[in-house]
Amino acid sequence: MITKNFLNIAIITCSLALFTSCSEEDEHDHSGECPPCHLAFPDGDGGEYMYHITNAAGGEEFCGDELEDAESNTFYFEVPAGQTLTCSDGGHPIGEGQYGPGADTTITPTGRLYEVHCEDHGSH
């Protein structure tokens, strides 16, 4: 009887430890992370065209709330009037408009086809 009670207590204790240690972490906790982000557009060959984007201050790193915003489904990067953004391979320029999942398709009809990727993040 004592062995059975001990076994039950051990199973319950291990189960509690397992459930608390394996609880889902917040995948959007970006404290201390400041990666660069880019727009990605499929190239038709399984790769992507990559366009480096800047944060609100003009820098390359996206930190904290700004990183969380960049990875959200409402974010878009705006190329100002009269300017273009050139792919990292030196070609395929895109003109003024909004690009990203939150783009207004009345402004840039293909803008939502561009994804925003930030380094070291699996979900975009």
PDB file of N, CA and C in Angstrom:
ATOM      1  N   MET A   1       0.818  -1.190   0.000  1.00  0.00           N
ATOM      2  CA  MET A   1       0.000   0.000   0.000  1.00  0.00           C
ATOM      3  C   MET A   1       0.869   1.265   0.000  1.00  0.00           C
ATOM      4  N   ILE A   2       1.937   1.253   0.826  1.00  0.00           N
ATOM      5  CA  ILE A   2       2.828   2.408   0.895  1.00  0.00           C
ATOM      6  C   ILE A   2       3.536   2.589  -0.444  1.00  0.00           C
ATOM      7  N   THR A   3       3.927   1.507  -1.076  1.00  0.00           N
ATOM      8  CA  THR A   3       4.599   1.581  -2.375  1.00  0.00           C
ATOM      9  C   THR A   3       3.660   2.147  -3.424  1.00  0.00           C
ATOM     10  N   LYS A   4       2.379   1.741  -3.391  1.00  0.00           N
ATOM     11  CA  LYS A   4       1.401   2.249  -4.363  1.00  0.00           C
ATOM     12  C   LYS A   4       1.176   3.746  -4.164  1.00  0.00           C
ATOM     13  N   ASN A   5       1.049   4.209  -2.920  1.00  0.00           N
ATOM     14  CA  ASN A   5       0.878   5.634  -2.640  1.00  0.00           C
ATOM     15  C   ASN A   5       2.118   6.426  -3.064  1.00  0.00           C
ATOM     16  N   PHE A   6       3.280   5.861  -2.775  1.00  0.00           N
ATOM     17  CA  PHE A   6       4.515   6.531  -3.176  1.00  0.00           C
ATOM     18  C   PHE A   6       4.593   6.652  -4.691  1.00  0.00           C
ATOM     19  N   LEU A   7       4.223   5.578  -5.392  1.00  0.00           N
ATOM     20  CA  LEU A   7       4.235   5.578  -6.845  1.00  0.00           C
ATOM     21  C   LEU A   7       3.261   6.616  -7.406  1.00  0.00           C
ATOM     22  N   ASN A   8       2.065   6.693  -6.836  1.00  0.00           N
ATOM     23  CA  ASN A   8       1.076   7.692  -7.274  1.00  0.00           C
ATOM     24  C   ASN A   8       1.579   9.116  -7.043  1.00  0.00           C
ATOM     25  N   ILE A   9       2.187   9.354  -5.911  1.00  0.00           N
ATOM     26  CA  ILE A   9       2.725  10.682  -5.607  1.00  0.00           C
ATOM     27  C   ILE A   9       3.848  11.021  -6.571  1.00  0.00           C
ATOM     28  N   ALA A  10       4.695  10.055  -6.873  1.00  0.00           N
ATOM     29  CA  ALA A  10       5.801  10.278  -7.810  1.00  0.00           C
ATOM     30  C   ALA A  10       5.276  10.595  -9.205  1.00  0.00           C
ATOM     31  N   ILE A  11       4.264   9.875  -9.648  1.00  0.00           N
ATOM     32  CA  ILE A  11       3.676  10.122 -10.975  1.00  0.00           C
ATOM     33  C   ILE A  11       3.048  11.510 -11.036  1.00  0.00           C
ATOM     34  N   ILE A  12       2.320  11.887 -10.025  1.00  0.00           N
ATOM     35  CA  ILE A  12       1.680  13.211  -9.995  1.00  0.00           C
ATOM     36  C   ILE A  12       2.730  14.311  -9.974  1.00  0.00           C
ATOM     37  N   THR A  13       3.763  14.147  -9.163  1.00  0.00           N
ATOM     38  CA  THR A  13       4.826  15.145  -9.076  1.00  0.00           C
ATOM     39  C   THR A  13       5.540  15.299 -10.418  1.00  0.00           C
ATOM     40  N   CYS A  14       5.868  14.186 -11.043  1.00  0.00           N
ATOM     41  CA  CYS A  14       6.552  14.241 -12.349  1.00  0.00           C
ATOM     42  C   CYS A  14       5.656  14.872 -13.407  1.00  0.00           C
ATOM     43  N   SER A  15       4.374  14.548 -13.380  1.00  0.00           N
ATOM     44  CA  SER A  15       3.437  15.126 -14.347  1.00  0.00           C
ATOM     45  C   SER A  15       3.352  16.635 -14.186  1.00  0.00           C
ATOM     46  N   LEU A  16       3.250  17.095 -12.952  1.00  0.00           N
ATOM     47  CA  LEU A  16       3.196  18.539 -12.714  1.00  0.00           C
ATOM     48  C   LEU A  16       4.468  19.222 -13.180  1.00  0.00           C
ATOM     49  N   ALA A  17       5.603  18.605 -12.892  1.00  0.00           N
ATOM     50  CA  ALA A  17       6.882  19.185 -13.315  1.00  0.00           C
ATOM     51  C   ALA A  17       6.966  19.241 -14.840  1.00  0.00           C
ATOM     52  N   LEU A  18       6.510  18.204 -15.503  1.00  0.00           N
ATOM     53  CA  LEU A  18       6.545  18.163 -16.963  1.00  0.00           C
ATOM     54  C   LEU A  18       5.652  19.241 -17.567  1.00  0.00           C
ATOM     55  N   PHE A  19       4.424  19.372 -17.072  1.00  0.00           N
ATOM     56  CA  PHE A  19       3.503  20.355 -17.632  1.00  0.00           C
ATOM     57  C   PHE A  19       3.960  21.793 -17.381  1.00  0.00           C
ATOM     58  N   THR A  20       4.556  22.051 -16.240  1.00  0.00           N
ATOM     59  CA  THR A  20       5.001  23.415 -15.976  1.00  0.00           C
ATOM     60  C   THR A  20       6.286  23.743 -16.706  1.00  0.00           C
ATOM     61  N   SER A  21       7.176  22.770 -16.883  1.00  0.00           N
ATOM     62  CA  SER A  21       8.436  23.056 -17.567  1.00  0.00           C
ATOM     63  C   SER A  21       8.265  23.104 -19.074  1.00  0.00           C
ATOM     64  N   CYS A  22       7.230  22.472 -19.610  1.00  0.00           N
ATOM     65  CA  CYS A  22       7.014  22.447 -21.058  1.00  0.00           C
ATOM     66  C   CYS A  22       5.889  23.369 -21.488  1.00  0.00           C
ATOM     67  N   SER A  23       5.512  24.293 -20.630  1.00  0.00           N
ATOM     68  CA  SER A  23       4.454  25.211 -21.031  1.00  0.00           C
ATOM     69  C   SER A  23       4.940  26.047 -22.198  1.00  0.00           C
ATOM     70  N   GLU A  24       4.023  26.405 -23.068  1.00  0.00           N
ATOM     71  CA  GLU A  24       4.382  27.128 -24.285  1.00  0.00           C
ATOM     72  C   GLU A  24       4.936  28.507 -23.930  1.00  0.00           C
ATOM     73  N   GLU A  25       6.107  28.768 -24.472  1.00  0.00           N
ATOM     74  CA  GLU A  25       6.718  30.067 -24.243  1.00  0.00           C
ATOM     75  C   GLU A  25       6.106  31.083 -25.188  1.00  0.00           C
ATOM     76  N   ASP A  26       6.134  32.338 -24.803  1.00  0.00           N
ATOM     77  CA  ASP A  26       5.635  33.403 -25.665  1.00  0.00           C
ATOM     78  C   ASP A  26       6.622  33.588 -26.808  1.00  0.00           C
ATOM     79  N   GLU A  27       6.224  33.171 -28.022  1.00  0.00           N
ATOM     80  CA  GLU A  27       7.135  33.269 -29.152  1.00  0.00           C
ATOM     81  C   GLU A  27       7.340  34.707 -29.609  1.00  0.00           C
ATOM     82  N   HIS A  28       6.637  35.642 -29.020  1.00  0.00           N
ATOM     83  CA  HIS A  28       6.801  37.041 -29.398  1.00  0.00           C
ATOM     84  C   HIS A  28       7.499  37.852 -28.319  1.00  0.00           C
ATOM     85  N   ASP A  29       8.205  37.160 -27.424  1.00  0.00           N
ATOM     86  CA  ASP A  29       8.996  37.864 -26.424  1.00  0.00           C
ATOM     87  C   ASP A  29      10.328  38.228 -27.071  1.00  0.00           C
ATOM     88  N   HIS A  30      10.473  39.489 -27.445  1.00  0.00           N
ATOM     89  CA  HIS A  30      11.643  39.926 -28.189  1.00  0.00           C
ATOM     90  C   HIS A  30      12.598  40.750 -27.333  1.00  0.00           C
ATOM     91  N   SER A  31      12.517  40.581 -26.018  1.00  0.00           N
ATOM     92  CA  SER A  31      13.389  41.368 -25.160  1.00  0.00           C
ATOM     93  C   SER A  31      14.845  41.057 -25.480  1.00  0.00           C
ATOM     94  N   GLY A  32      15.580  42.075 -25.763  1.00  0.00           N
ATOM     95  CA  GLY A  32      16.996  41.921 -26.049  1.00  0.00           C
ATOM     96  C   GLY A  32      17.331  41.596 -27.490  1.00  0.00           C
ATOM     97  N   GLU A  33      16.331  41.324 -28.304  1.00  0.00           N
ATOM     98  CA  GLU A  33      16.579  41.010 -29.707  1.00  0.00           C
ATOM     99  C   GLU A  33      16.392  42.249 -30.574  1.00  0.00           C
ATOM    100  N   CYS A  34      17.289  42.460 -31.498  1.00  0.00           N
ATOM    101  CA  CYS A  34      17.183  43.589 -32.423  1.00  0.00           C
ATOM    102  C   CYS A  34      17.691  43.185 -33.810  1.00  0.00           C
ATOM    103  N   PRO A  35      16.992  42.255 -34.473  1.00  0.00           N
ATOM    104  CA  PRO A  35      17.459  41.810 -35.782  1.00  0.00           C
ATOM    105  C   PRO A  35      17.066  42.780 -36.897  1.00  0.00           C
ATOM    106  N   PRO A  36      17.746  42.693 -38.030  1.00  0.00           N
ATOM    107  CA  PRO A  36      17.303  43.427 -39.214  1.00  0.00           C
ATOM    108  C   PRO A  36      16.116  42.681 -39.833  1.00  0.00           C
ATOM    109  N   CYS A  37      15.293  43.382 -40.585  1.00  0.00           N
ATOM    110  CA  CYS A  37      14.147  42.773 -41.251  1.00  0.00           C
ATOM    111  C   CYS A  37      14.205  43.092 -42.741  1.00  0.00           C
ATOM    112  N   HIS A  38      13.498  42.292 -43.525  1.00  0.00           N
ATOM    113  CA  HIS A  38      13.453  42.540 -44.960  1.00  0.00           C
ATOM    114  C   HIS A  38      12.106  42.117 -45.535  1.00  0.00           C
ATOM    115  N   LEU A  39      11.778  42.687 -46.679  1.00  0.00           N
ATOM    116  CA  LEU A  39      10.625  42.246 -47.438  1.00  0.00           C
ATOM    117  C   LEU A  39      11.060  41.062 -48.277  1.00  0.00           C
ATOM    118  N   ALA A  40      10.191  40.085 -48.429  1.00  0.00           N
ATOM    119  CA  ALA A  40      10.498  38.905 -49.241  1.00  0.00           C
ATOM    120  C   ALA A  40       9.383  38.707 -50.261  1.00  0.00           C
ATOM    121  N   PHE A  41       9.788  38.464 -51.499  1.00  0.00           N
ATOM    122  CA  PHE A  41       8.836  38.205 -52.577  1.00  0.00           C
ATOM    123  C   PHE A  41       9.314  36.968 -53.317  1.00  0.00           C
ATOM    124  N   PRO A  42       8.429  35.984 -53.562  1.00  0.00           N
ATOM    125  CA  PRO A  42       8.858  34.758 -54.238  1.00  0.00           C
ATOM    126  C   PRO A  42       9.464  35.044 -55.612  1.00  0.00           C
ATOM    127  N   ASP A  43      10.579  34.368 -55.905  1.00  0.00           N
ATOM    128  CA  ASP A  43      11.238  34.600 -57.201  1.00  0.00           C
ATOM    129  C   ASP A  43      10.783  33.635 -58.289  1.00  0.00           C
ATOM    130  N   GLY A  44       9.895  32.696 -57.948  1.00  0.00           N
ATOM    131  CA  GLY A  44       9.391  31.743 -58.922  1.00  0.00           C
ATOM    132  C   GLY A  44      10.233  30.486 -59.047  1.00  0.00           C
ATOM    133  N   ASP A  45      11.410  30.453 -58.430  1.00  0.00           N
ATOM    134  CA  ASP A  45      12.297  29.290 -58.480  1.00  0.00           C
ATOM    135  C   ASP A  45      12.504  28.665 -57.102  1.00  0.00           C
ATOM    136  N   GLY A  46      11.593  28.945 -56.170  1.00  0.00           N
ATOM    137  CA  GLY A  46      11.717  28.406 -54.822  1.00  0.00           C
ATOM    138  C   GLY A  46      12.488  29.301 -53.872  1.00  0.00           C
ATOM    139  N   GLY A  47      13.026  30.392 -54.372  1.00  0.00           N
ATOM    140  CA  GLY A  47      13.753  31.350 -53.525  1.00  0.00           C
ATOM    141  C   GLY A  47      12.920  32.610 -53.336  1.00  0.00           C
ATOM    142  N   GLU A  48      13.602  33.664 -52.990  1.00  0.00           N
ATOM    143  CA  GLU A  48      12.906  34.929 -52.786  1.00  0.00           C
ATOM    144  C   GLU A  48      13.782  36.100 -53.163  1.00  0.00           C
ATOM    145  N   TYR A  49      13.121  37.168 -53.570  1.00  0.00           N
ATOM    146  CA  TYR A  49      13.796  38.449 -53.729  1.00  0.00           C
ATOM    147  C   TYR A  49      13.760  39.102 -52.358  1.00  0.00           C
ATOM    148  N   MET A  50      14.874  39.657 -51.930  1.00  0.00           N
ATOM    149  CA  MET A  50      14.986  40.218 -50.590  1.00  0.00           C
ATOM    150  C   MET A  50      15.264  41.722 -50.682  1.00  0.00           C
ATOM    151  N   TYR A  51      14.425  42.498 -49.985  1.00  0.00           N
ATOM    152  CA  TYR A  51      14.541  43.953 -49.957  1.00  0.00           C
ATOM    153  C   TYR A  51      14.746  44.390 -48.513  1.00  0.00           C
ATOM    154  N   HIS A  52      15.912  44.904 -48.191  1.00  0.00           N
ATOM    155  CA  HIS A  52      16.192  45.356 -46.830  1.00  0.00           C
ATOM    156  C   HIS A  52      15.336  46.589 -46.511  1.00  0.00           C
ATOM    157  N   ILE A  53      14.768  46.587 -45.304  1.00  0.00           N
ATOM    158  CA  ILE A  53      13.933  47.715 -44.881  1.00  0.00           C
ATOM    159  C   ILE A  53      14.528  48.353 -43.630  1.00  0.00           C
ATOM    160  N   THR A  54      14.105  49.564 -43.355  1.00  0.00           N
ATOM    161  CA  THR A  54      14.603  50.303 -42.195  1.00  0.00           C
ATOM    162  C   THR A  54      13.493  50.512 -41.178  1.00  0.00           C
ATOM    163  N   ASN A  55      13.889  50.735 -39.934  1.00  0.00           N
ATOM    164  CA  ASN A  55      12.919  51.019 -38.888  1.00  0.00           C
ATOM    165  C   ASN A  55      12.478  52.484 -38.971  1.00  0.00           C
ATOM    166  N   ALA A  56      11.619  52.902 -38.080  1.00  0.00           N
ATOM    167  CA  ALA A  56      11.065  54.258 -38.111  1.00  0.00           C
ATOM    168  C   ALA A  56      12.134  55.341 -37.992  1.00  0.00           C
ATOM    169  N   ALA A  57      13.245  55.034 -37.328  1.00  0.00           N
ATOM    170  CA  ALA A  57      14.322  56.010 -37.156  1.00  0.00           C
ATOM    171  C   ALA A  57      15.332  55.958 -38.306  1.00  0.00           C
ATOM    172  N   GLY A  58      15.126  55.029 -39.249  1.00  0.00           N
ATOM    173  CA  GLY A  58      16.041  54.910 -40.374  1.00  0.00           C
ATOM    174  C   GLY A  58      17.147  53.894 -40.167  1.00  0.00           C
ATOM    175  N   GLY A  59      17.138  53.221 -39.016  1.00  0.00           N
ATOM    176  CA  GLY A  59      18.164  52.218 -38.742  1.00  0.00           C
ATOM    177  C   GLY A  59      17.770  50.843 -39.254  1.00  0.00           C
ATOM    178  N   GLU A  60      18.690  49.920 -39.163  1.00  0.00           N
ATOM    179  CA  GLU A  60      18.461  48.569 -39.678  1.00  0.00           C
ATOM    180  C   GLU A  60      17.878  47.610 -38.652  1.00  0.00           C
ATOM    181  N   GLU A  61      18.014  47.898 -37.367  1.00  0.00           N
ATOM    182  CA  GLU A  61      17.584  46.974 -36.332  1.00  0.00           C
ATOM    183  C   GLU A  61      16.165  47.275 -35.865  1.00  0.00           C
ATOM    184  N   PHE A  62      15.393  46.211 -35.673  1.00  0.00           N
ATOM    185  CA  PHE A  62      14.036  46.314 -35.152  1.00  0.00           C
ATOM    186  C   PHE A  62      14.042  45.711 -33.753  1.00  0.00           C
ATOM    187  N   CYS A  63      13.662  46.505 -32.747  1.00  0.00           N
ATOM    188  CA  CYS A  63      13.733  46.080 -31.357  1.00  0.00           C
ATOM    189  C   CYS A  63      12.369  46.204 -30.675  1.00  0.00           C
ATOM    190  N   GLY A  64      12.128  45.366 -29.675  1.00  0.00           N
ATOM    191  CA  GLY A  64      10.952  45.467 -28.824  1.00  0.00           C
ATOM    192  C   GLY A  64       9.644  45.528 -29.579  1.00  0.00           C
ATOM    193  N   ASP A  65       8.843  46.560 -29.270  1.00  0.00           N
ATOM    194  CA  ASP A  65       7.534  46.709 -29.899  1.00  0.00           C
ATOM    195  C   ASP A  65       7.649  46.878 -31.405  1.00  0.00           C
ATOM    196  N   GLU A  66       8.693  47.533 -31.848  1.00  0.00           N
ATOM    197  CA  GLU A  66       8.887  47.745 -33.282  1.00  0.00           C
ATOM    198  C   GLU A  66       9.115  46.402 -33.998  1.00  0.00           C
ATOM    199  N   LEU A  67       9.824  45.490 -33.370  1.00  0.00           N
ATOM    200  CA  LEU A  67      10.035  44.158 -33.932  1.00  0.00           C
ATOM    201  C   LEU A  67       8.727  43.379 -33.942  1.00  0.00           C
ATOM    202  N   GLU A  68       7.999  43.462 -32.842  1.00  0.00           N
ATOM    203  CA  GLU A  68       6.705  42.778 -32.770  1.00  0.00           C
ATOM    204  C   GLU A  68       5.761  43.306 -33.850  1.00  0.00           C
ATOM    205  N   ASP A  69       5.758  44.616 -34.047  1.00  0.00           N
ATOM    206  CA  ASP A  69       4.926  45.214 -35.100  1.00  0.00           C
ATOM    207  C   ASP A  69       5.348  44.725 -36.481  1.00  0.00           C
ATOM    208  N   ALA A  70       6.658  44.680 -36.731  1.00  0.00           N
ATOM    209  CA  ALA A  70       7.162  44.259 -38.043  1.00  0.00           C
ATOM    210  C   ALA A  70       6.752  42.827 -38.366  1.00  0.00           C
ATOM    211  N   GLU A  71       6.594  41.994 -37.358  1.00  0.00           N
ATOM    212  CA  GLU A  71       6.216  40.601 -37.574  1.00  0.00           C
ATOM    213  C   GLU A  71       4.709  40.373 -37.525  1.00  0.00           C
ATOM    214  N   SER A  72       3.947  41.432 -37.330  1.00  0.00           N
ATOM    215  CA  SER A  72       2.493  41.285 -37.245  1.00  0.00           C
ATOM    216  C   SER A  72       1.864  41.242 -38.640  1.00  0.00           C
ATOM    217  N   ASN A  73       0.607  40.828 -38.690  1.00  0.00           N
ATOM    218  CA  ASN A  73      -0.077  40.753 -39.979  1.00  0.00           C
ATOM    219  C   ASN A  73      -0.672  42.093 -40.416  1.00  0.00           C
ATOM    220  N   THR A  74      -0.398  43.153 -39.663  1.00  0.00           N
ATOM    221  CA  THR A  74      -0.887  44.484 -40.050  1.00  0.00           C
ATOM    222  C   THR A  74       0.248  45.408 -40.499  1.00  0.00           C
ATOM    223  N   PHE A  75       1.477  44.921 -40.426  1.00  0.00           N
ATOM    224  CA  PHE A  75       2.634  45.757 -40.758  1.00  0.00           C
ATOM    225  C   PHE A  75       2.786  45.926 -42.267  1.00  0.00           C
ATOM    226  N   TYR A  76       3.214  47.104 -42.661  1.00  0.00           N
ATOM    227  CA  TYR A  76       3.650  47.333 -44.042  1.00  0.00           C
ATOM    228  C   TYR A  76       4.797  48.320 -44.022  1.00  0.00           C
ATOM    229  N   PHE A  77       5.651  48.210 -45.018  1.00  0.00           N
ATOM    230  CA  PHE A  77       6.756  49.140 -45.197  1.00  0.00           C
ATOM    231  C   PHE A  77       6.373  50.035 -46.369  1.00  0.00           C
ATOM    232  N   GLU A  78       6.581  51.322 -46.203  1.00  0.00           N
ATOM    233  CA  GLU A  78       6.194  52.261 -47.254  1.00  0.00           C
ATOM    234  C   GLU A  78       7.415  52.815 -47.972  1.00  0.00           C
ATOM    235  N   VAL A  79       7.423  52.654 -49.286  1.00  0.00           N
ATOM    236  CA  VAL A  79       8.447  53.265 -50.128  1.00  0.00           C
ATOM    237  C   VAL A  79       7.885  54.629 -50.526  1.00  0.00           C
ATOM    238  N   PRO A  80       8.559  55.712 -50.140  1.00  0.00           N
ATOM    239  CA  PRO A  80       8.044  57.062 -50.409  1.00  0.00           C
ATOM    240  C   PRO A  80       7.960  57.391 -51.899  1.00  0.00           C
ATOM    241  N   ALA A  81       7.128  58.365 -52.215  1.00  0.00           N
ATOM    242  CA  ALA A  81       6.957  58.833 -53.597  1.00  0.00           C
ATOM    243  C   ALA A  81       8.296  59.251 -54.182  1.00  0.00           C
ATOM    244  N   GLY A  82       8.526  58.847 -55.413  1.00  0.00           N
ATOM    245  CA  GLY A  82       9.750  59.219 -56.109  1.00  0.00           C
ATOM    246  C   GLY A  82      10.961  58.370 -55.772  1.00  0.00           C
ATOM    247  N   GLN A  83      10.790  57.375 -54.903  1.00  0.00           N
ATOM    248  CA  GLN A  83      11.912  56.515 -54.519  1.00  0.00           C
ATOM    249  C   GLN A  83      11.638  55.073 -54.925  1.00  0.00           C
ATOM    250  N   THR A  84      12.684  54.278 -54.974  1.00  0.00           N
ATOM    251  CA  THR A  84      12.550  52.847 -55.230  1.00  0.00           C
ATOM    252  C   THR A  84      13.352  52.078 -54.188  1.00  0.00           C
ATOM    253  N   LEU A  85      13.018  50.826 -54.058  1.00  0.00           N
ATOM    254  CA  LEU A  85      13.738  49.919 -53.175  1.00  0.00           C
ATOM    255  C   LEU A  85      14.273  48.811 -54.076  1.00  0.00           C
ATOM    256  N   THR A  86      15.573  48.571 -54.009  1.00  0.00           N
ATOM    257  CA  THR A  86      16.212  47.606 -54.887  1.00  0.00           C
ATOM    258  C   THR A  86      16.491  46.311 -54.139  1.00  0.00           C
ATOM    259  N   CYS A  87      16.267  45.212 -54.807  1.00  0.00           N
ATOM    260  CA  CYS A  87      16.513  43.879 -54.268  1.00  0.00           C
ATOM    261  C   CYS A  87      17.984  43.748 -53.873  1.00  0.00           C
ATOM    262  N   SER A  88      18.258  42.870 -52.921  1.00  0.00           N
ATOM    263  CA  SER A  88      19.636  42.693 -52.454  1.00  0.00           C
ATOM    264  C   SER A  88      20.568  42.178 -53.552  1.00  0.00           C
ATOM    265  N   ASP A  89      20.017  41.616 -54.631  1.00  0.00           N
ATOM    266  CA  ASP A  89      20.866  41.168 -55.741  1.00  0.00           C
ATOM    267  C   ASP A  89      21.187  42.294 -56.721  1.00  0.00           C
ATOM    268  N   GLY A  90      20.674  43.496 -56.423  1.00  0.00           N
ATOM    269  CA  GLY A  90      20.966  44.666 -57.252  1.00  0.00           C
ATOM    270  C   GLY A  90      19.955  44.944 -58.345  1.00  0.00           C
ATOM    271  N   GLY A  91      18.948  44.128 -58.490  1.00  0.00           N
ATOM    272  CA  GLY A  91      17.937  44.323 -59.523  1.00  0.00           C
ATOM    273  C   GLY A  91      16.538  44.335 -58.937  1.00  0.00           C
ATOM    274  N   HIS A  92      15.573  44.166 -59.788  1.00  0.00           N
ATOM    275  CA  HIS A  92      14.164  44.042 -59.400  1.00  0.00           C
ATOM    276  C   HIS A  92      13.676  45.170 -58.492  1.00  0.00           C
ATOM    277  N   PRO A  93      13.812  46.419 -58.903  1.00  0.00           N
ATOM    278  CA  PRO A  93      13.366  47.523 -58.048  1.00  0.00           C
ATOM    279  C   PRO A  93      11.842  47.549 -57.893  1.00  0.00           C
ATOM    280  N   ILE A  94      11.402  47.990 -56.729  1.00  0.00           N
ATOM    281  CA  ILE A  94       9.974  48.222 -56.505  1.00  0.00           C
ATOM    282  C   ILE A  94       9.791  49.700 -56.234  1.00  0.00           C
ATOM    283  N   GLY A  95       8.708  50.255 -56.734  1.00  0.00           N
ATOM    284  CA  GLY A  95       8.462  51.686 -56.628  1.00  0.00           C
ATOM    285  C   GLY A  95       7.661  52.064 -55.412  1.00  0.00           C
ATOM    286  N   GLU A  96       7.277  53.333 -55.399  1.00  0.00           N
ATOM    287  CA  GLU A  96       6.536  53.855 -54.253  1.00  0.00           C
ATOM    288  C   GLU A  96       5.295  53.021 -53.982  1.00  0.00           C
ATOM    289  N   GLY A  97       4.977  52.877 -52.702  1.00  0.00           N
ATOM    290  CA  GLY A  97       3.799  52.119 -52.300  1.00  0.00           C
ATOM    291  C   GLY A  97       3.994  51.441 -50.967  1.00  0.00           C
ATOM    292  N   GLN A  98       3.022  50.625 -50.623  1.00  0.00           N
ATOM    293  CA  GLN A  98       3.032  49.889 -49.365  1.00  0.00           C
ATOM    294  C   GLN A  98       3.269  48.415 -49.645  1.00  0.00           C
ATOM    295  N   TYR A  99       4.163  47.800 -48.851  1.00  0.00           N
ATOM    296  CA  TYR A  99       4.533  46.409 -49.048  1.00  0.00           C
ATOM    297  C   TYR A  99       4.539  45.678 -47.711  1.00  0.00           C
ATOM    298  N   GLY A 100       3.889  44.552 -47.660  1.00  0.00           N
ATOM    299  CA  GLY A 100       3.803  43.753 -46.446  1.00  0.00           C
ATOM    300  C   GLY A 100       2.381  43.298 -46.229  1.00  0.00           C
ATOM    301  N   PRO A 101       2.150  42.469 -45.218  1.00  0.00           N
ATOM    302  CA  PRO A 101       0.821  41.886 -45.002  1.00  0.00           C
ATOM    303  C   PRO A 101      -0.271  42.913 -44.697  1.00  0.00           C
ATOM    304  N   GLY A 102       0.096  44.078 -44.200  1.00  0.00           N
ATOM    305  CA  GLY A 102      -0.894  45.105 -43.879  1.00  0.00           C
ATOM    306  C   GLY A 102      -1.051  46.166 -44.954  1.00  0.00           C
ATOM    307  N   ALA A 103      -0.473  45.948 -46.118  1.00  0.00           N
ATOM    308  CA  ALA A 103      -0.511  46.941 -47.201  1.00  0.00           C
ATOM    309  C   ALA A 103      -1.938  47.181 -47.687  1.00  0.00           C
ATOM    310  N   ASP A 104      -2.208  48.414 -48.038  1.00  0.00           N
ATOM    311  CA  ASP A 104      -3.499  48.802 -48.608  1.00  0.00           C
ATOM    312  C   ASP A 104      -3.453  48.482 -50.102  1.00  0.00           C
ATOM    313  N   THR A 105      -4.246  47.513 -50.535  1.00  0.00           N
ATOM    314  CA  THR A 105      -4.190  47.070 -51.932  1.00  0.00           C
ATOM    315  C   THR A 105      -4.772  48.091 -52.899  1.00  0.00           C
ATOM    316  N   THR A 106      -5.437  49.122 -52.396  1.00  0.00           N
ATOM    317  CA  THR A 106      -5.884  50.184 -53.302  1.00  0.00           C
ATOM    318  C   THR A 106      -4.718  51.106 -53.641  1.00  0.00           C
ATOM    319  N   ILE A 107      -3.692  51.108 -52.802  1.00  0.00           N
ATOM    320  CA  ILE A 107      -2.490  51.911 -53.051  1.00  0.00           C
ATOM    321  C   ILE A 107      -1.482  51.091 -53.853  1.00  0.00           C
ATOM    322  N   THR A 108      -1.234  49.858 -53.408  1.00  0.00           N
ATOM    323  CA  THR A 108      -0.282  48.959 -54.067  1.00  0.00           C
ATOM    324  C   THR A 108      -0.978  47.607 -54.228  1.00  0.00           C
ATOM    325  N   PRO A 109      -1.555  47.329 -55.399  1.00  0.00           N
ATOM    326  CA  PRO A 109      -2.340  46.105 -55.581  1.00  0.00           C
ATOM    327  C   PRO A 109      -1.610  44.813 -55.216  1.00  0.00           C
ATOM    328  N   THR A 110      -0.310  44.730 -55.433  1.00  0.00           N
ATOM    329  CA  THR A 110       0.438  43.501 -55.113  1.00  0.00           C
ATOM    330  C   THR A 110       1.190  43.602 -53.784  1.00  0.00           C
ATOM    331  N   GLY A 111       0.968  44.660 -53.038  1.00  0.00           N
ATOM    332  CA  GLY A 111       1.727  44.896 -51.804  1.00  0.00           C
ATOM    333  C   GLY A 111       1.636  43.811 -50.769  1.00  0.00           C
ATOM    334  N   ARG A 112       0.474  43.140 -50.659  1.00  0.00           N
ATOM    335  CA  ARG A 112       0.310  42.093 -49.646  1.00  0.00           C
ATOM    336  C   ARG A 112       1.001  40.789 -50.022  1.00  0.00           C
ATOM    337  N   LEU A 113       1.503  40.681 -51.240  1.00  0.00           N
ATOM    338  CA  LEU A 113       2.231  39.481 -51.649  1.00  0.00           C
ATOM    339  C   LEU A 113       3.629  39.443 -51.037  1.00  0.00           C
ATOM    340  N   TYR A 114       4.075  40.572 -50.511  1.00  0.00           N
ATOM    341  CA  TYR A 114       5.393  40.666 -49.880  1.00  0.00           C
ATOM    342  C   TYR A 114       5.267  40.290 -48.412  1.00  0.00           C
ATOM    343  N   GLU A 115       6.146  39.416 -47.946  1.00  0.00           N
ATOM    344  CA  GLU A 115       6.193  39.042 -46.534  1.00  0.00           C
ATOM    345  C   GLU A 115       7.313  39.818 -45.862  1.00  0.00           C
ATOM    346  N   VAL A 116       7.196  39.987 -44.554  1.00  0.00           N
ATOM    347  CA  VAL A 116       8.265  40.611 -43.775  1.00  0.00           C
ATOM    348  C   VAL A 116       8.952  39.507 -42.987  1.00  0.00           C
ATOM    349  N   HIS A 117      10.250  39.377 -43.175  1.00  0.00           N
ATOM    350  CA  HIS A 117      11.044  38.386 -42.444  1.00  0.00           C
ATOM    351  C   HIS A 117      12.073  39.120 -41.587  1.00  0.00           C
ATOM    352  N   CYS A 118      12.166  38.691 -40.347  1.00  0.00           N
ATOM    353  CA  CYS A 118      13.192  39.215 -39.444  1.00  0.00           C
ATOM    354  C   CYS A 118      14.080  38.037 -39.078  1.00  0.00           C
ATOM    355  N   GLU A 119      15.383  38.242 -39.051  1.00  0.00           N
ATOM    356  CA  GLU A 119      16.324  37.150 -38.805  1.00  0.00           C
ATOM    357  C   GLU A 119      15.976  36.385 -37.536  1.00  0.00           C
ATOM    358  N   ASP A 120      16.249  35.100 -37.572  1.00  0.00           N
ATOM    359  CA  ASP A 120      16.099  34.198 -36.434  1.00  0.00           C
ATOM    360  C   ASP A 120      14.670  34.048 -35.931  1.00  0.00           C
ATOM    361  N   HIS A 121      13.691  34.270 -36.801  1.00  0.00           N
ATOM    362  CA  HIS A 121      12.296  34.078 -36.395  1.00  0.00           C
ATOM    363  C   HIS A 121      11.624  33.143 -37.373  1.00  0.00           C
ATOM    364  N   GLY A 122      11.016  32.077 -36.851  1.00  0.00           N
ATOM    365  CA  GLY A 122      10.388  31.085 -37.702  1.00  0.00           C
ATOM    366  C   GLY A 122       9.005  31.461 -38.184  1.00  0.00           C
ATOM    367  N   SER A 123       8.230  32.194 -37.399  1.00  0.00           N
ATOM    368  CA  SER A 123       6.872  32.520 -37.829  1.00  0.00           C
ATOM    369  C   SER A 123       6.799  33.943 -38.338  1.00  0.00           C
ATOM    370  N   HIS A 124       6.306  34.075 -39.558  1.00  0.00           N
ATOM    371  CA  HIS A 124       6.218  35.396 -40.182  1.00  0.00           C
ATOM    372  C   HIS A 124       4.795  35.679 -40.563  1.00  0.00           C
TER     373      HIS A 124
END
